[in-house]
C-alpha atoms as a PDB file:
ATOM      1  CA  MET A   1      -7.101  -0.167 -19.069  1.00  0.00           C
ATOM      2  CA  ILE A   2      -9.314  -1.582 -16.413  1.00  0.00           C
ATOM      3  CA  ASN A   3     -12.875  -2.310 -17.506  1.00  0.00           C
ATOM      4  CA  LYS A   4     -14.358  -3.898 -14.400  1.00  0.00           C
ATOM      5  CA  SER A   5     -15.779  -2.296 -11.157  1.00  0.00           C
ATOM      6  CA  ILE A   6     -13.105  -1.649  -8.608  1.00  0.00           C
ATOM      7  CA  ASN A   7     -14.094  -1.611  -5.051  1.00  0.00           C
ATOM      8  CA  LEU A   8     -12.422   1.149  -3.057  1.00  0.00           C
ATOM      9  CA  THR A   9     -12.731   2.424   0.623  1.00  0.00           C
ATOM     10  CA  ALA A  10     -13.727   5.930   0.937  1.00  0.00           C
ATOM     11  CA  ALA A  11     -10.243   6.804   2.200  1.00  0.00           C
ATOM     12  CA  GLY A  12      -8.582   4.981  -0.623  1.00  0.00           C
ATOM     13  CA  LYS A  13     -10.852   6.995  -3.047  1.00  0.00           C
ATOM     14  CA  LYS A  14      -9.936  10.265  -1.416  1.00  0.00           C
ATOM     15  CA  GLU A  15      -6.241   9.285  -1.418  1.00  0.00           C
ATOM     16  CA  LEU A  16      -6.410   8.644  -5.268  1.00  0.00           C
ATOM     17  CA  GLU A  17      -8.151  11.846  -5.771  1.00  0.00           C
ATOM     18  CA  LYS A  18      -5.551  13.710  -3.838  1.00  0.00           C
ATOM     19  CA  GLU A  19      -2.816  12.035  -5.753  1.00  0.00           C
ATOM     20  CA  LEU A  20      -4.476  12.811  -9.149  1.00  0.00           C
ATOM     21  CA  GLU A  21      -4.798  16.460  -8.040  1.00  0.00           C
ATOM     22  CA  SER A  22      -1.100  16.528  -7.137  1.00  0.00           C
ATOM     23  CA  LEU A  23       0.092  14.930 -10.470  1.00  0.00           C
ATOM     24  CA  ILE A  24      -2.067  17.405 -12.331  1.00  0.00           C
ATOM     25  CA  ALA A  25      -0.446  20.305 -10.575  1.00  0.00           C
ATOM     26  CA  LYS A  26       2.945  19.123 -11.623  1.00  0.00           C
ATOM     27  CA  ARG A  27       2.178  19.565 -15.419  1.00  0.00           C
ATOM     28  CA  PRO A  28       3.161  23.254 -15.596  1.00  0.00           C
ATOM     29  CA  ALA A  29       6.528  22.559 -14.080  1.00  0.00           C
ATOM     30  CA  ILE A  30       7.403  19.726 -16.413  1.00  0.00           C
ATOM     31  CA  ALA A  31       6.231  21.923 -19.249  1.00  0.00           C
ATOM     32  CA  GLU A  32       8.586  24.539 -18.200  1.00  0.00           C
ATOM     33  CA  ARG A  33      11.439  22.075 -17.769  1.00  0.00           C
ATOM     34  CA  LEU A  34      10.779  20.834 -21.397  1.00  0.00           C
ATOM     35  CA  ALA A  35      10.830  24.316 -22.624  1.00  0.00           C
ATOM     36  CA  THR A  36      14.104  25.211 -20.774  1.00  0.00           C
ATOM     37  CA  ALA A  37      15.822  21.943 -21.896  1.00  0.00           C
ATOM     38  CA  ARG A  38      14.723  22.563 -25.612  1.00  0.00           C
ATOM     39  CA  ALA A  39      16.579  25.831 -25.475  1.00  0.00           C
ATOM     40  CA  PHE A  40      19.858  24.148 -24.889  1.00  0.00           C
ATOM     41  CA  GLY A  41      19.652  22.958 -28.630  1.00  0.00           C
ATOM     42  CA  ASP A  42      20.137  19.533 -29.837  1.00  0.00           C
ATOM     43  CA  LEU A  43      17.651  17.106 -28.325  1.00  0.00           C
ATOM     44  CA  SER A  44      19.206  14.025 -29.490  1.00  0.00           C
ATOM     45  CA  GLU A  45      22.267  14.657 -26.843  1.00  0.00           C
ATOM     46  CA  ASN A  46      20.103  16.542 -24.284  1.00  0.00           C
ATOM     47  CA  GLN A  47      19.723  14.578 -21.174  1.00  0.00           C
ATOM     48  CA  GLU A  48      17.785  17.264 -19.226  1.00  0.00           C
ATOM     49  CA  TYR A  49      15.270  17.114 -22.048  1.00  0.00           C
ATOM     50  CA  THR A  50      15.305  13.220 -22.038  1.00  0.00           C
ATOM     51  CA  ASP A  51      14.739  13.108 -18.306  1.00  0.00           C
ATOM     52  CA  ALA A  52      11.900  15.758 -18.382  1.00  0.00           C
ATOM     53  CA  ARG A  53      10.105  13.950 -21.106  1.00  0.00           C
ATOM     54  CA  SER A  54      10.543  10.615 -19.124  1.00  0.00           C
ATOM     55  CA  GLU A  55       8.952  12.451 -16.142  1.00  0.00           C
ATOM     56  CA  GLN A  56       6.305  13.652 -18.224  1.00  0.00           C
ATOM     57  CA  LYS A  57       5.586  10.289 -19.626  1.00  0.00           C
ATOM     58  CA  THR A  58       5.419   8.701 -16.223  1.00  0.00           C
ATOM     59  CA  ILE A  59       3.096  11.293 -14.846  1.00  0.00           C
ATOM     60  CA  GLU A  60       0.668  11.179 -17.648  1.00  0.00           C
ATOM     61  CA  ASN A  61       0.576   7.528 -17.457  1.00  0.00           C
ATOM     62  CA  ARG A  62      -0.302   7.527 -13.757  1.00  0.00           C
ATOM     63  CA  ILE A  63      -2.892  10.185 -14.210  1.00  0.00           C
ATOM     64  CA  LEU A  64      -4.647   8.070 -16.911  1.00  0.00           C
ATOM     65  CA  GLU A  65      -4.419   5.191 -14.526  1.00  0.00           C
ATOM     66  CA  ILE A  66      -5.899   6.860 -11.795  1.00  0.00           C
ATOM     67  CA  GLU A  67      -8.517   8.548 -13.929  1.00  0.00           C
ATOM     68  CA  ASP A  68      -9.554   5.018 -15.129  1.00  0.00           C
ATOM     69  CA  ILE A  69      -9.598   3.529 -11.507  1.00  0.00           C
ATOM     70  CA  LEU A  70     -11.934   6.236 -10.267  1.00  0.00           C
ATOM     71  CA  LYS A  71     -14.158   6.171 -13.399  1.00  0.00           C
ATOM     72  CA  ASN A  72     -14.737   2.406 -12.345  1.00  0.00           C
ATOM     73  CA  ALA A  73     -14.539   2.795  -8.708  1.00  0.00           C
ATOM     74  CA  LYS A  74     -17.337   1.550  -6.447  1.00  0.00           C
ATOM     75  CA  THR A  75     -17.131   3.155  -3.002  1.00  0.00           C
ATOM     76  CA  ILE A  76     -17.678   0.550  -0.053  1.00  0.00           C
ATOM     77  CA  LYS A  77     -19.829   1.634   2.594  1.00  0.00           C
ATOM     78  CA  ASN A  78     -18.381   1.700   6.163  1.00  0.00           C
ATOM     79  CA  VAL A  79     -20.409  -1.002   7.864  1.00  0.00           C
ATOM     80  CA  LYS A  80     -19.739  -3.258  10.850  1.00  0.00           C
ATOM     81  CA  HIS A  81     -18.592  -6.503   9.470  1.00  0.00           C
ATOM     82  CA  SER A  82     -19.052 -10.008  11.326  1.00  0.00           C
ATOM     83  CA  LYS A  83     -16.735 -11.526   8.754  1.00  0.00           C
ATOM     84  CA  VAL A  84     -13.442 -10.328   7.419  1.00  0.00           C
ATOM     85  CA  ALA A  85     -14.240  -8.369   4.051  1.00  0.00           C
ATOM     86  CA  VAL A  86     -12.933  -5.566   1.903  1.00  0.00           C
ATOM     87  CA  GLY A  87     -13.442  -2.285   4.063  1.00  0.00           C
ATOM     88  CA  SER A  88     -13.025  -4.110   7.284  1.00  0.00           C
ATOM     89  CA  THR A  89     -10.139  -3.667   9.870  1.00  0.00           C
ATOM     90  CA  VAL A  90      -8.994  -7.007  11.260  1.00  0.00           C
ATOM     91  CA  THR A  91      -6.774  -7.503  14.458  1.00  0.00           C
ATOM     92  CA  VAL A  92      -4.949 -10.982  14.307  1.00  0.00           C
ATOM     93  CA  LYS A  93      -2.845 -12.725  16.780  1.00  0.00           C
ATOM     94  CA  THR A  94      -0.042 -15.171  15.899  1.00  0.00           C
ATOM     95  CA  GLY A  95       2.165 -16.400  18.772  1.00  0.00           C
ATOM     96  CA  SER A  96       2.687 -13.510  21.103  1.00  0.00           C
ATOM     97  CA  LYS A  97       2.421 -10.898  18.335  1.00  0.00           C
ATOM     98  CA  THR A  98      -0.559  -8.793  17.483  1.00  0.00           C
ATOM     99  CA  PHE A  99      -1.219  -7.249  14.030  1.00  0.00           C
ATOM    100  CA  THR A 100      -4.050  -4.877  12.698  1.00  0.00           C
ATOM    101  CA  TYR A 101      -4.688  -4.866   8.981  1.00  0.00           C
ATOM    102  CA  SER A 102      -7.076  -3.039   6.900  1.00  0.00           C
ATOM    103  CA  ILE A 103      -8.544  -4.979   4.086  1.00  0.00           C
ATOM    104  CA  VAL A 104      -8.495  -3.195   0.919  1.00  0.00           C
ATOM    105  CA  SER A 105      -8.611  -3.699  -2.818  1.00  0.00           C
ATOM    106  CA  PRO A 106      -5.355  -4.208  -4.700  1.00  0.00           C
ATOM    107  CA  VAL A 107      -5.493  -0.884  -5.762  1.00  0.00           C
ATOM    108  CA  GLU A 108      -5.169   0.624  -2.466  1.00  0.00           C
ATOM    109  CA  ALA A 109      -2.787  -2.066  -0.949  1.00  0.00           C
ATOM    110  CA  ASN A 110       0.218  -0.729   0.935  1.00  0.00           C
ATOM    111  CA  PRO A 111       1.595  -3.458   3.419  1.00  0.00           C
ATOM    112  CA  LEU A 112       4.087  -0.824   5.044  1.00  0.00           C
ATOM    113  CA  GLU A 113       0.791   1.091   6.050  1.00  0.00           C
ATOM    114  CA  GLY A 114      -1.018  -2.211   7.297  1.00  0.00           C
ATOM    115  CA  LYS A 115      -3.355  -2.039   4.050  1.00  0.00           C
ATOM    116  CA  ILE A 116      -3.475  -5.441   2.547  1.00  0.00           C
ATOM    117  CA  SER A 117      -5.381  -6.639  -0.443  1.00  0.00           C
ATOM    118  CA  ASN A 118      -8.101  -8.977  -0.349  1.00  0.00           C
ATOM    119  CA  GLU A 119      -6.239 -10.737  -2.987  1.00  0.00           C
ATOM    120  CA  SER A 120      -2.761 -11.048  -1.307  1.00  0.00           C
ATOM    121  CA  PRO A 121      -1.963 -14.477   0.128  1.00  0.00           C
ATOM    122  CA  ILE A 122      -2.648 -13.333   3.816  1.00  0.00           C
ATOM    123  CA  GLY A 123      -5.799 -11.402   2.694  1.00  0.00           C
ATOM    124  CA  LYS A 124      -7.081 -14.463   0.979  1.00  0.00           C
ATOM    125  CA  ALA A 125      -6.460 -16.649   4.145  1.00  0.00           C
ATOM    126  CA  LEU A 126      -8.039 -14.035   6.351  1.00  0.00           C
ATOM    127  CA  PHE A 127     -11.093 -13.173   3.991  1.00  0.00           C
ATOM    128  CA  GLY A 128     -14.575 -14.630   5.286  1.00  0.00           C
ATOM    129  CA  LEU A 129     -13.219 -15.469   8.797  1.00  0.00           C
ATOM    130  CA  LYS A 130     -15.285 -14.582  11.769  1.00  0.00           C
ATOM    131  CA  GLN A 131     -13.915 -13.531  15.303  1.00  0.00           C
ATOM    132  CA  GLY A 132     -12.313 -16.363  17.009  1.00  0.00           C
ATOM    133  CA  GLU A 133     -11.488 -18.171  13.860  1.00  0.00           C
ATOM    134  CA  THR A 134      -8.040 -18.930  12.626  1.00  0.00           C
ATOM    135  CA  ALA A 135      -6.231 -19.083   9.281  1.00  0.00           C
ATOM    136  CA  ASN A 136      -3.020 -20.712   8.571  1.00  0.00           C
ATOM    137  CA  PHE A 137      -0.335 -18.596   6.670  1.00  0.00           C
ATOM    138  CA  ASN A 138       3.355 -19.231   6.252  1.00  0.00           C
ATOM    139  CA  SER A 139       3.248 -22.217   8.480  1.00  0.00           C
ATOM    140  CA  LYS A 140       1.874 -19.910  11.246  1.00  0.00           C
ATOM    141  CA  LYS A 141      -1.744 -19.830  12.819  1.00  0.00           C
ATOM    142  CA  TYR A 142      -3.546 -16.489  12.740  1.00  0.00           C
ATOM    143  CA  GLU A 143      -6.361 -16.024  15.196  1.00  0.00           C
ATOM    144  CA  VAL A 144      -8.798 -13.293  14.361  1.00  0.00           C
ATOM    145  CA  ILE A 145      -9.163 -11.279  17.758  1.00  0.00           C
ATOM    146  CA  SER A 146     -11.528  -8.539  16.218  1.00  0.00           C
ATOM    147  CA  ILE A 147     -13.148  -7.064  13.070  1.00  0.00           C
ATOM    148  CA  GLU A 148     -14.293  -3.430  12.667  1.00  0.00           C
END
């Protein structure tokens, strides 16, 4: 598992705690599914049992992963950034389009929600830039409009 300190935003830490709580709450239902599937008899040809065990394994692995992340987590303070850093929200302009990204740790990254990792290619390109500076990424110029 992870042995290094992981930087998390306060919101990211809350999301992980909420996910952990949700996964733990699923344990009794999976145990019930396993018990019901066992009652069907021969476990070697019991797809219901196999599916329930697989789901249990997935959930237990994710619980362990989240617990490890939270154990090693360091919460990033919300401060005003003069440079793009983990925890900042940056608005960039490329051509006529404007995008707003939250720069987060790889653990919190979710590009569909506008959360990009500081270790992703675009995150690396923007990291450390100040307002008005530009980054080249995928043959496009990204100008930093604002940093919050």
